[in-house]
Amino acid sequence: MCLGIPGRITRTTDVAGMLMGTADFGGVSREVCLAYVPQARVGDYVIVHVGFAISLVDEAEAQRTLEVLRAMGDALQQELSPEDANRPAPPNRTPA
């Protein structure tokens, strides 16, 4: 499953001309690309999909979405885990 997860920007930085940042997803922090939302600032909430912030969202909507995801059990944690950590290996691939 791929979800757009709301996160609060806690830090921004320029990496070789690319706007990057750290987003907090209810206690889990991840590096995200902010190139699609260059107006995002520390404290703003963004929707993140596969490591890219794709839109700004207000805090109330972000909190509502996080509550729904928490109610779904481990869906939030699975989306924020490293890509292969919780997924079975494809049939023709040997796990590392």
PDB file of N, CA and C in Angstrom:
ATOM      1  N   MET A   1       0.844  -1.165   0.000  1.00  0.00           N
ATOM      2  CA  MET A   1       0.000   0.000   0.000  1.00  0.00           C
ATOM      3  C   MET A   1       0.894   1.233   0.000  1.00  0.00           C
ATOM      4  N   CYS A   2       0.546   2.214  -0.760  1.00  0.00           N
ATOM      5  CA  CYS A   2       1.270   3.483  -0.765  1.00  0.00           C
ATOM      6  C   CYS A   2       0.321   4.580  -0.337  1.00  0.00           C
ATOM      7  N   LEU A   3       0.716   5.305   0.685  1.00  0.00           N
ATOM      8  CA  LEU A   3      -0.109   6.377   1.231  1.00  0.00           C
ATOM      9  C   LEU A   3       0.649   7.694   1.195  1.00  0.00           C
ATOM     10  N   GLY A   4      -0.087   8.771   1.129  1.00  0.00           N
ATOM     11  CA  GLY A   4       0.480  10.088   1.371  1.00  0.00           C
ATOM     12  C   GLY A   4       0.317  10.359   2.855  1.00  0.00           C
ATOM     13  N   ILE A   5       1.408  10.523   3.568  1.00  0.00           N
ATOM     14  CA  ILE A   5       1.394  10.673   5.023  1.00  0.00           C
ATOM     15  C   ILE A   5       1.700  12.124   5.394  1.00  0.00           C
ATOM     16  N   PRO A   6       0.899  12.729   6.285  1.00  0.00           N
ATOM     17  CA  PRO A   6       1.215  14.089   6.713  1.00  0.00           C
ATOM     18  C   PRO A   6       2.369  14.106   7.706  1.00  0.00           C
ATOM     19  N   GLY A   7       3.275  15.047   7.512  1.00  0.00           N
ATOM     20  CA  GLY A   7       4.399  15.223   8.419  1.00  0.00           C
ATOM     21  C   GLY A   7       4.675  16.699   8.624  1.00  0.00           C
ATOM     22  N   ARG A   8       5.220  17.033   9.789  1.00  0.00           N
ATOM     23  CA  ARG A   8       5.569  18.421  10.100  1.00  0.00           C
ATOM     24  C   ARG A   8       7.041  18.633   9.818  1.00  0.00           C
ATOM     25  N   ILE A   9       7.353  19.654   9.052  1.00  0.00           N
ATOM     26  CA  ILE A   9       8.735  19.975   8.713  1.00  0.00           C
ATOM     27  C   ILE A   9       9.443  20.506   9.959  1.00  0.00           C
ATOM     28  N   THR A  10      10.549  19.861  10.310  1.00  0.00           N
ATOM     29  CA  THR A  10      11.318  20.284  11.486  1.00  0.00           C
ATOM     30  C   THR A  10      12.654  20.923  11.116  1.00  0.00           C
ATOM     31  N   ARG A  11      13.067  20.736   9.861  1.00  0.00           N
ATOM     32  CA  ARG A  11      14.354  21.292   9.408  1.00  0.00           C
ATOM     33  C   ARG A  11      14.332  21.339   7.900  1.00  0.00           C
ATOM     34  N   THR A  12      14.958  22.353   7.333  1.00  0.00           N
ATOM     35  CA  THR A  12      15.138  22.412   5.885  1.00  0.00           C
ATOM     36  C   THR A  12      16.613  22.660   5.587  1.00  0.00           C
ATOM     37  N   THR A  13      17.028  22.206   4.415  1.00  0.00           N
ATOM     38  CA  THR A  13      18.410  22.383   4.005  1.00  0.00           C
ATOM     39  C   THR A  13      18.481  22.363   2.486  1.00  0.00           C
ATOM     40  N   ASP A  14      19.508  22.965   1.942  1.00  0.00           N
ATOM     41  CA  ASP A  14      19.758  22.940   0.510  1.00  0.00           C
ATOM     42  C   ASP A  14      20.859  21.926   0.253  1.00  0.00           C
ATOM     43  N   VAL A  15      20.561  20.943  -0.584  1.00  0.00           N
ATOM     44  CA  VAL A  15      21.538  19.919  -0.937  1.00  0.00           C
ATOM     45  C   VAL A  15      21.770  20.019  -2.438  1.00  0.00           C
ATOM     46  N   ALA A  16      22.896  20.621  -2.810  1.00  0.00           N
ATOM     47  CA  ALA A  16      23.250  20.782  -4.227  1.00  0.00           C
ATOM     48  C   ALA A  16      22.119  21.430  -5.019  1.00  0.00           C
ATOM     49  N   GLY A  17      21.499  22.448  -4.422  1.00  0.00           N
ATOM     50  CA  GLY A  17      20.432  23.172  -5.105  1.00  0.00           C
ATOM     51  C   GLY A  17      19.052  22.562  -4.957  1.00  0.00           C
ATOM     52  N   MET A  18      18.937  21.441  -4.253  1.00  0.00           N
ATOM     53  CA  MET A  18      17.653  20.765  -4.045  1.00  0.00           C
ATOM     54  C   MET A  18      17.191  21.028  -2.618  1.00  0.00           C
ATOM     55  N   LEU A  19      15.959  21.540  -2.465  1.00  0.00           N
ATOM     56  CA  LEU A  19      15.423  21.792  -1.133  1.00  0.00           C
ATOM     57  C   LEU A  19      15.024  20.461  -0.493  1.00  0.00           C
ATOM     58  N   MET A  20      15.650  20.157   0.639  1.00  0.00           N
ATOM     59  CA  MET A  20      15.390  18.927   1.385  1.00  0.00           C
ATOM     60  C   MET A  20      14.991  19.314   2.800  1.00  0.00           C
ATOM     61  N   GLY A  21      14.461  18.363   3.531  1.00  0.00           N
ATOM     62  CA  GLY A  21      14.082  18.650   4.898  1.00  0.00           C
ATOM     63  C   GLY A  21      13.886  17.382   5.698  1.00  0.00           C
ATOM     64  N   THR A  22      13.627  17.590   6.976  1.00  0.00           N
ATOM     65  CA  THR A  22      13.276  16.500   7.871  1.00  0.00           C
ATOM     66  C   THR A  22      11.827  16.717   8.266  1.00  0.00           C
ATOM     67  N   ALA A  23      11.040  15.642   8.181  1.00  0.00           N
ATOM     68  CA  ALA A  23       9.633  15.711   8.569  1.00  0.00           C
ATOM     69  C   ALA A  23       9.391  14.756   9.720  1.00  0.00           C
ATOM     70  N   ASP A  24       8.569  15.198  10.667  1.00  0.00           N
ATOM     71  CA  ASP A  24       8.183  14.383  11.811  1.00  0.00           C
ATOM     72  C   ASP A  24       6.781  13.842  11.542  1.00  0.00           C
ATOM     73  N   PHE A  25       6.650  12.519  11.603  1.00  0.00           N
ATOM     74  CA  PHE A  25       5.382  11.840  11.363  1.00  0.00           C
ATOM     75  C   PHE A  25       4.893  11.255  12.686  1.00  0.00           C
ATOM     76  N   GLY A  26       4.463  12.105  13.589  1.00  0.00           N
ATOM     77  CA  GLY A  26       3.957  11.612  14.865  1.00  0.00           C
ATOM     78  C   GLY A  26       4.996  10.882  15.684  1.00  0.00           C
ATOM     79  N   GLY A  27       6.235  11.349  15.651  1.00  0.00           N
ATOM     80  CA  GLY A  27       7.306  10.751  16.442  1.00  0.00           C
ATOM     81  C   GLY A  27       8.346  10.011  15.629  1.00  0.00           C
ATOM     82  N   VAL A  28       8.098   9.799  14.364  1.00  0.00           N
ATOM     83  CA  VAL A  28       9.061   9.156  13.471  1.00  0.00           C
ATOM     84  C   VAL A  28       9.550  10.215  12.495  1.00  0.00           C
ATOM     85  N   SER A  29      10.854  10.446  12.431  1.00  0.00           N
ATOM     86  CA  SER A  29      11.418  11.457  11.532  1.00  0.00           C
ATOM     87  C   SER A  29      12.037  10.811  10.307  1.00  0.00           C
ATOM     88  N   ARG A  30      11.841  11.453   9.167  1.00  0.00           N
ATOM     89  CA  ARG A  30      12.417  10.984   7.908  1.00  0.00           C
ATOM     90  C   ARG A  30      12.861  12.183   7.079  1.00  0.00           C
ATOM     91  N   GLU A  31      13.904  11.963   6.279  1.00  0.00           N
ATOM     92  CA  GLU A  31      14.345  12.969   5.324  1.00  0.00           C
ATOM     93  C   GLU A  31      13.370  12.966   4.148  1.00  0.00           C
ATOM     94  N   VAL A  32      12.996  14.155   3.684  1.00  0.00           N
ATOM     95  CA  VAL A  32      12.066  14.267   2.561  1.00  0.00           C
ATOM     96  C   VAL A  32      12.562  15.321   1.579  1.00  0.00           C
ATOM     97  N   CYS A  33      12.184  15.145   0.329  1.00  0.00           N
ATOM     98  CA  CYS A  33      12.480  16.127  -0.704  1.00  0.00           C
ATOM     99  C   CYS A  33      11.356  17.154  -0.720  1.00  0.00           C
ATOM    100  N   LEU A  34      11.711  18.421  -0.662  1.00  0.00           N
ATOM    101  CA  LEU A  34      10.729  19.511  -0.641  1.00  0.00           C
ATOM    102  C   LEU A  34      10.657  20.269  -1.967  1.00  0.00           C
ATOM    103  N   ALA A  35      11.230  19.721  -3.013  1.00  0.00           N
ATOM    104  CA  ALA A  35      11.301  20.413  -4.300  1.00  0.00           C
ATOM    105  C   ALA A  35       9.923  20.761  -4.865  1.00  0.00           C
ATOM    106  N   TYR A  36       8.916  19.915  -4.597  1.00  0.00           N
ATOM    107  CA  TYR A  36       7.575  20.173  -5.127  1.00  0.00           C
ATOM    108  C   TYR A  36       6.791  21.179  -4.291  1.00  0.00           C
ATOM    109  N   VAL A  37       7.283  21.491  -3.103  1.00  0.00           N
ATOM    110  CA  VAL A  37       6.637  22.480  -2.225  1.00  0.00           C
ATOM    111  C   VAL A  37       7.693  23.457  -1.710  1.00  0.00           C
ATOM    112  N   PRO A  38       8.301  24.233  -2.608  1.00  0.00           N
ATOM    113  CA  PRO A  38       9.394  25.116  -2.194  1.00  0.00           C
ATOM    114  C   PRO A  38       8.966  26.179  -1.185  1.00  0.00           C
ATOM    115  N   GLN A  39       7.671  26.397  -1.053  1.00  0.00           N
ATOM    116  CA  GLN A  39       7.173  27.372  -0.084  1.00  0.00           C
ATOM    117  C   GLN A  39       7.100  26.805   1.335  1.00  0.00           C
ATOM    118  N   ALA A  40       7.334  25.511   1.509  1.00  0.00           N
ATOM    119  CA  ALA A  40       7.266  24.869   2.826  1.00  0.00           C
ATOM    120  C   ALA A  40       8.357  25.415   3.744  1.00  0.00           C
ATOM    121  N   ARG A  41       7.973  25.676   4.969  1.00  0.00           N
ATOM    122  CA  ARG A  41       8.885  26.193   5.978  1.00  0.00           C
ATOM    123  C   ARG A  41       8.816  25.326   7.223  1.00  0.00           C
ATOM    124  N   VAL A  42       9.807  25.443   8.092  1.00  0.00           N
ATOM    125  CA  VAL A  42       9.804  24.729   9.360  1.00  0.00           C
ATOM    126  C   VAL A  42       8.492  25.038  10.087  1.00  0.00           C
ATOM    127  N   GLY A  43       7.835  23.981  10.548  1.00  0.00           N
ATOM    128  CA  GLY A  43       6.551  24.114  11.238  1.00  0.00           C
ATOM    129  C   GLY A  43       5.361  23.811  10.348  1.00  0.00           C
ATOM    130  N   ASP A  44       5.545  23.883   9.025  1.00  0.00           N
ATOM    131  CA  ASP A  44       4.456  23.560   8.096  1.00  0.00           C
ATOM    132  C   ASP A  44       4.233  22.057   8.052  1.00  0.00           C
ATOM    133  N   TYR A  45       3.022  21.670   7.696  1.00  0.00           N
ATOM    134  CA  TYR A  45       2.685  20.269   7.466  1.00  0.00           C
ATOM    135  C   TYR A  45       2.609  20.027   5.974  1.00  0.00           C
ATOM    136  N   VAL A  46       3.153  18.884   5.555  1.00  0.00           N
ATOM    137  CA  VAL A  46       3.145  18.499   4.146  1.00  0.00           C
ATOM    138  C   VAL A  46       2.656  17.057   4.029  1.00  0.00           C
ATOM    139  N   ILE A  47       2.124  16.718   2.873  1.00  0.00           N
ATOM    140  CA  ILE A  47       1.779  15.340   2.564  1.00  0.00           C
ATOM    141  C   ILE A  47       2.980  14.741   1.845  1.00  0.00           C
ATOM    142  N   VAL A  48       3.484  13.614   2.358  1.00  0.00           N
ATOM    143  CA  VAL A  48       4.685  12.976   1.810  1.00  0.00           C
ATOM    144  C   VAL A  48       4.309  11.629   1.194  1.00  0.00           C
ATOM    145  N   HIS A  49       4.748  11.445  -0.024  1.00  0.00           N
ATOM    146  CA  HIS A  49       4.540  10.176  -0.738  1.00  0.00           C
ATOM    147  C   HIS A  49       5.884   9.734  -1.293  1.00  0.00           C
ATOM    148  N   VAL A  50       6.299   8.530  -0.955  1.00  0.00           N
ATOM    149  CA  VAL A  50       7.585   7.940  -1.351  1.00  0.00           C
ATOM    150  C   VAL A  50       8.767   8.906  -1.216  1.00  0.00           C
ATOM    151  N   GLY A  51       8.794   9.643  -0.099  1.00  0.00           N
ATOM    152  CA  GLY A  51       9.924  10.513   0.188  1.00  0.00           C
ATOM    153  C   GLY A  51       9.840  11.912  -0.388  1.00  0.00           C
ATOM    154  N   PHE A  52       8.764  12.219  -1.112  1.00  0.00           N
ATOM    155  CA  PHE A  52       8.586  13.545  -1.706  1.00  0.00           C
ATOM    156  C   PHE A  52       7.394  14.236  -1.075  1.00  0.00           C
ATOM    157  N   ALA A  53       7.603  15.445  -0.563  1.00  0.00           N
ATOM    158  CA  ALA A  53       6.483  16.256  -0.102  1.00  0.00           C
ATOM    159  C   ALA A  53       5.752  16.749  -1.349  1.00  0.00           C
ATOM    160  N   ILE A  54       4.455  16.423  -1.446  1.00  0.00           N
ATOM    161  CA  ILE A  54       3.723  16.743  -2.664  1.00  0.00           C
ATOM    162  C   ILE A  54       2.711  17.866  -2.499  1.00  0.00           C
ATOM    163  N   SER A  55       2.385  18.234  -1.247  1.00  0.00           N
ATOM    164  CA  SER A  55       1.486  19.359  -1.027  1.00  0.00           C
ATOM    165  C   SER A  55       1.544  19.800   0.423  1.00  0.00           C
ATOM    166  N   LEU A  56       1.155  21.046   0.643  1.00  0.00           N
ATOM    167  CA  LEU A  56       1.009  21.561   2.001  1.00  0.00           C
ATOM    168  C   LEU A  56      -0.370  21.183   2.510  1.00  0.00           C
ATOM    169  N   VAL A  57      -0.506  21.028   3.815  1.00  0.00           N
ATOM    170  CA  VAL A  57      -1.787  20.726   4.439  1.00  0.00           C
ATOM    171  C   VAL A  57      -1.820  21.443   5.778  1.00  0.00           C
ATOM    172  N   ASP A  58      -3.022  21.850   6.222  1.00  0.00           N
ATOM    173  CA  ASP A  58      -3.080  22.550   7.510  1.00  0.00           C
ATOM    174  C   ASP A  58      -2.965  21.551   8.661  1.00  0.00           C
ATOM    175  N   GLU A  59      -2.602  22.059   9.822  1.00  0.00           N
ATOM    176  CA  GLU A  59      -2.324  21.206  10.972  1.00  0.00           C
ATOM    177  C   GLU A  59      -3.531  20.370  11.380  1.00  0.00           C
ATOM    178  N   ALA A  60      -4.716  20.950  11.359  1.00  0.00           N
ATOM    179  CA  ALA A  60      -5.918  20.210  11.761  1.00  0.00           C
ATOM    180  C   ALA A  60      -6.144  18.999  10.856  1.00  0.00           C
ATOM    181  N   GLU A  61      -6.005  19.186   9.555  1.00  0.00           N
ATOM    182  CA  GLU A  61      -6.181  18.070   8.616  1.00  0.00           C
ATOM    183  C   GLU A  61      -5.080  17.032   8.804  1.00  0.00           C
ATOM    184  N   ALA A  62      -3.851  17.484   9.032  1.00  0.00           N
ATOM    185  CA  ALA A  62      -2.747  16.552   9.263  1.00  0.00           C
ATOM    186  C   ALA A  62      -3.022  15.692  10.491  1.00  0.00           C
ATOM    187  N   GLN A  63      -3.482  16.305  11.570  1.00  0.00           N
ATOM    188  CA  GLN A  63      -3.761  15.556  12.799  1.00  0.00           C
ATOM    189  C   GLN A  63      -4.907  14.576  12.608  1.00  0.00           C
ATOM    190  N   ARG A  64      -5.964  14.983  11.897  1.00  0.00           N
ATOM    191  CA  ARG A  64      -7.080  14.066  11.617  1.00  0.00           C
ATOM    192  C   ARG A  64      -6.596  12.855  10.828  1.00  0.00           C
ATOM    193  N   THR A  65      -5.769  13.099   9.821  1.00  0.00           N
ATOM    194  CA  THR A  65      -5.262  12.004   8.994  1.00  0.00           C
ATOM    195  C   THR A  65      -4.378  11.067   9.805  1.00  0.00           C
ATOM    196  N   LEU A  66      -3.502  11.619  10.639  1.00  0.00           N
ATOM    197  CA  LEU A  66      -2.649  10.779  11.478  1.00  0.00           C
ATOM    198  C   LEU A  66      -3.479   9.930  12.439  1.00  0.00           C
ATOM    199  N   GLU A  67      -4.566  10.479  12.975  1.00  0.00           N
ATOM    200  CA  GLU A  67      -5.438   9.708  13.873  1.00  0.00           C
ATOM    201  C   GLU A  67      -6.095   8.546  13.128  1.00  0.00           C
ATOM    202  N   VAL A  68      -6.543   8.787  11.911  1.00  0.00           N
ATOM    203  CA  VAL A  68      -7.140   7.710  11.107  1.00  0.00           C
ATOM    204  C   VAL A  68      -6.103   6.626  10.852  1.00  0.00           C
ATOM    205  N   LEU A  69      -4.891   7.029  10.496  1.00  0.00           N
ATOM    206  CA  LEU A  69      -3.830   6.046  10.234  1.00  0.00           C
ATOM    207  C   LEU A  69      -3.481   5.253  11.486  1.00  0.00           C
ATOM    208  N   ARG A  70      -3.448   5.923  12.641  1.00  0.00           N
ATOM    209  CA  ARG A  70      -3.174   5.207  13.893  1.00  0.00           C
ATOM    210  C   ARG A  70      -4.274   4.184  14.178  1.00  0.00           C
ATOM    211  N   ALA A  71      -5.505   4.547  13.875  1.00  0.00           N
ATOM    212  CA  ALA A  71      -6.636   3.649  14.101  1.00  0.00           C
ATOM    213  C   ALA A  71      -6.565   2.419  13.190  1.00  0.00           C
ATOM    214  N   MET A  72      -5.826   2.514  12.099  1.00  0.00           N
ATOM    215  CA  MET A  72      -5.685   1.392  11.167  1.00  0.00           C
ATOM    216  C   MET A  72      -4.624   0.404  11.646  1.00  0.00           C
ATOM    217  N   GLY A  73      -4.112   0.582  12.831  1.00  0.00           N
ATOM    218  CA  GLY A  73      -3.117  -0.347  13.353  1.00  0.00           C
ATOM    219  C   GLY A  73      -1.725   0.004  12.891  1.00  0.00           C
ATOM    220  N   ASP A  74      -1.043  -0.943  12.256  1.00  0.00           N
ATOM    221  CA  ASP A  74       0.347  -0.744  11.891  1.00  0.00           C
ATOM    222  C   ASP A  74       0.539  -0.128  10.508  1.00  0.00           C
ATOM    223  N   ALA A  75      -0.504   0.386   9.885  1.00  0.00           N
ATOM    224  CA  ALA A  75      -0.382   0.957   8.541  1.00  0.00           C
ATOM    225  C   ALA A  75       0.611   2.108   8.508  1.00  0.00           C
ATOM    226  N   LEU A  76       0.562   2.992   9.494  1.00  0.00           N
ATOM    227  CA  LEU A  76       1.482   4.130   9.529  1.00  0.00           C
ATOM    228  C   LEU A  76       2.921   3.646   9.674  1.00  0.00           C
ATOM    229  N   GLN A  77       3.165   2.731  10.605  1.00  0.00           N
ATOM    230  CA  GLN A  77       4.529   2.238  10.810  1.00  0.00           C
ATOM    231  C   GLN A  77       5.058   1.533   9.574  1.00  0.00           C
ATOM    232  N   GLN A  78       4.213   0.756   8.891  1.00  0.00           N
ATOM    233  CA  GLN A  78       4.654   0.063   7.678  1.00  0.00           C
ATOM    234  C   GLN A  78       5.044   1.052   6.594  1.00  0.00           C
ATOM    235  N   GLU A  79       4.305   2.124   6.460  1.00  0.00           N
ATOM    236  CA  GLU A  79       4.622   3.119   5.438  1.00  0.00           C
ATOM    237  C   GLU A  79       5.910   3.863   5.750  1.00  0.00           C
ATOM    238  N   LEU A  80       6.244   3.986   7.026  1.00  0.00           N
ATOM    239  CA  LEU A  80       7.431   4.744   7.415  1.00  0.00           C
ATOM    240  C   LEU A  80       8.653   3.862   7.622  1.00  0.00           C
ATOM    241  N   SER A  81       8.504   2.554   7.495  1.00  0.00           N
ATOM    242  CA  SER A  81       9.620   1.630   7.650  1.00  0.00           C
ATOM    243  C   SER A  81      10.478   1.657   6.398  1.00  0.00           C
ATOM    244  N   PRO A  82      11.752   1.265   6.532  1.00  0.00           N
ATOM    245  CA  PRO A  82      12.585   1.131   5.334  1.00  0.00           C
ATOM    246  C   PRO A  82      11.884   0.213   4.335  1.00  0.00           C
ATOM    247  N   GLU A  83      12.091   0.474   3.066  1.00  0.00           N
ATOM    248  CA  GLU A  83      11.317  -0.153   1.999  1.00  0.00           C
ATOM    249  C   GLU A  83      11.178  -1.659   2.109  1.00  0.00           C
ATOM    250  N   ASP A  84      12.237  -2.387   2.344  1.00  0.00           N
ATOM    251  CA  ASP A  84      12.160  -3.846   2.333  1.00  0.00           C
ATOM    252  C   ASP A  84      12.029  -4.467   3.716  1.00  0.00           C
ATOM    253  N   ALA A  85      11.982  -3.668   4.760  1.00  0.00           N
ATOM    254  CA  ALA A  85      12.015  -4.226   6.108  1.00  0.00           C
ATOM    255  C   ALA A  85      10.823  -5.130   6.419  1.00  0.00           C
ATOM    256  N   ASN A  86       9.642  -4.756   5.975  1.00  0.00           N
ATOM    257  CA  ASN A  86       8.450  -5.516   6.327  1.00  0.00           C
ATOM    258  C   ASN A  86       7.761  -6.158   5.134  1.00  0.00           C
ATOM    259  N   ARG A  87       8.431  -6.221   4.009  1.00  0.00           N
ATOM    260  CA  ARG A  87       7.815  -6.774   2.819  1.00  0.00           C
ATOM    261  C   ARG A  87       8.494  -8.080   2.440  1.00  0.00           C
ATOM    262  N   PRO A  88       7.700  -9.052   2.009  1.00  0.00           N
ATOM    263  CA  PRO A  88       8.334 -10.309   1.582  1.00  0.00           C
ATOM    264  C   PRO A  88       9.139 -10.094   0.313  1.00  0.00           C
ATOM    265  N   ALA A  89      10.178 -10.887   0.140  1.00  0.00           N
ATOM    266  CA  ALA A  89      11.003 -10.805  -1.065  1.00  0.00           C
ATOM    267  C   ALA A  89      10.202 -11.323  -2.249  1.00  0.00           C
ATOM    268  N   PRO A  90      10.384 -10.737  -3.430  1.00  0.00           N
ATOM    269  CA  PRO A  90       9.739 -11.275  -4.639  1.00  0.00           C
ATOM    270  C   PRO A  90      10.199 -12.703  -4.860  1.00  0.00           C
ATOM    271  N   PRO A  91       9.399 -13.511  -5.579  1.00  0.00           N
ATOM    272  CA  PRO A  91       9.726 -14.924  -5.761  1.00  0.00           C
ATOM    273  C   PRO A  91      11.111 -15.200  -6.331  1.00  0.00           C
ATOM    274  N   ASN A  92      11.638 -14.343  -7.190  1.00  0.00           N
ATOM    275  CA  ASN A  92      12.935 -14.608  -7.815  1.00  0.00           C
ATOM    276  C   ASN A  92      14.082 -13.874  -7.143  1.00  0.00           C
ATOM    277  N   ARG A  93      13.908 -13.420  -5.914  1.00  0.00           N
ATOM    278  CA  ARG A  93      14.947 -12.676  -5.210  1.00  0.00           C
ATOM    279  C   ARG A  93      15.235 -13.303  -3.860  1.00  0.00           C
ATOM    280  N   THR A  94      16.494 -13.463  -3.557  1.00  0.00           N
ATOM    281  CA  THR A  94      16.905 -13.991  -2.266  1.00  0.00           C
ATOM    282  C   THR A  94      17.099 -12.826  -1.317  1.00  0.00           C
ATOM    283  N   PRO A  95      16.480 -12.840  -0.136  1.00  0.00           N
ATOM    284  CA  PRO A  95      16.667 -11.728   0.815  1.00  0.00           C
ATOM    285  C   PRO A  95      18.133 -11.596   1.215  1.00  0.00           C
ATOM    286  N   ALA A  96      18.560 -10.358   1.439  1.00  0.00           N
ATOM    287  CA  ALA A  96      19.952 -10.087   1.837  1.00  0.00           C
ATOM    288  C   ALA A  96      20.173 -10.391   3.287  1.00  0.00           C
TER     289      ALA A  96
END
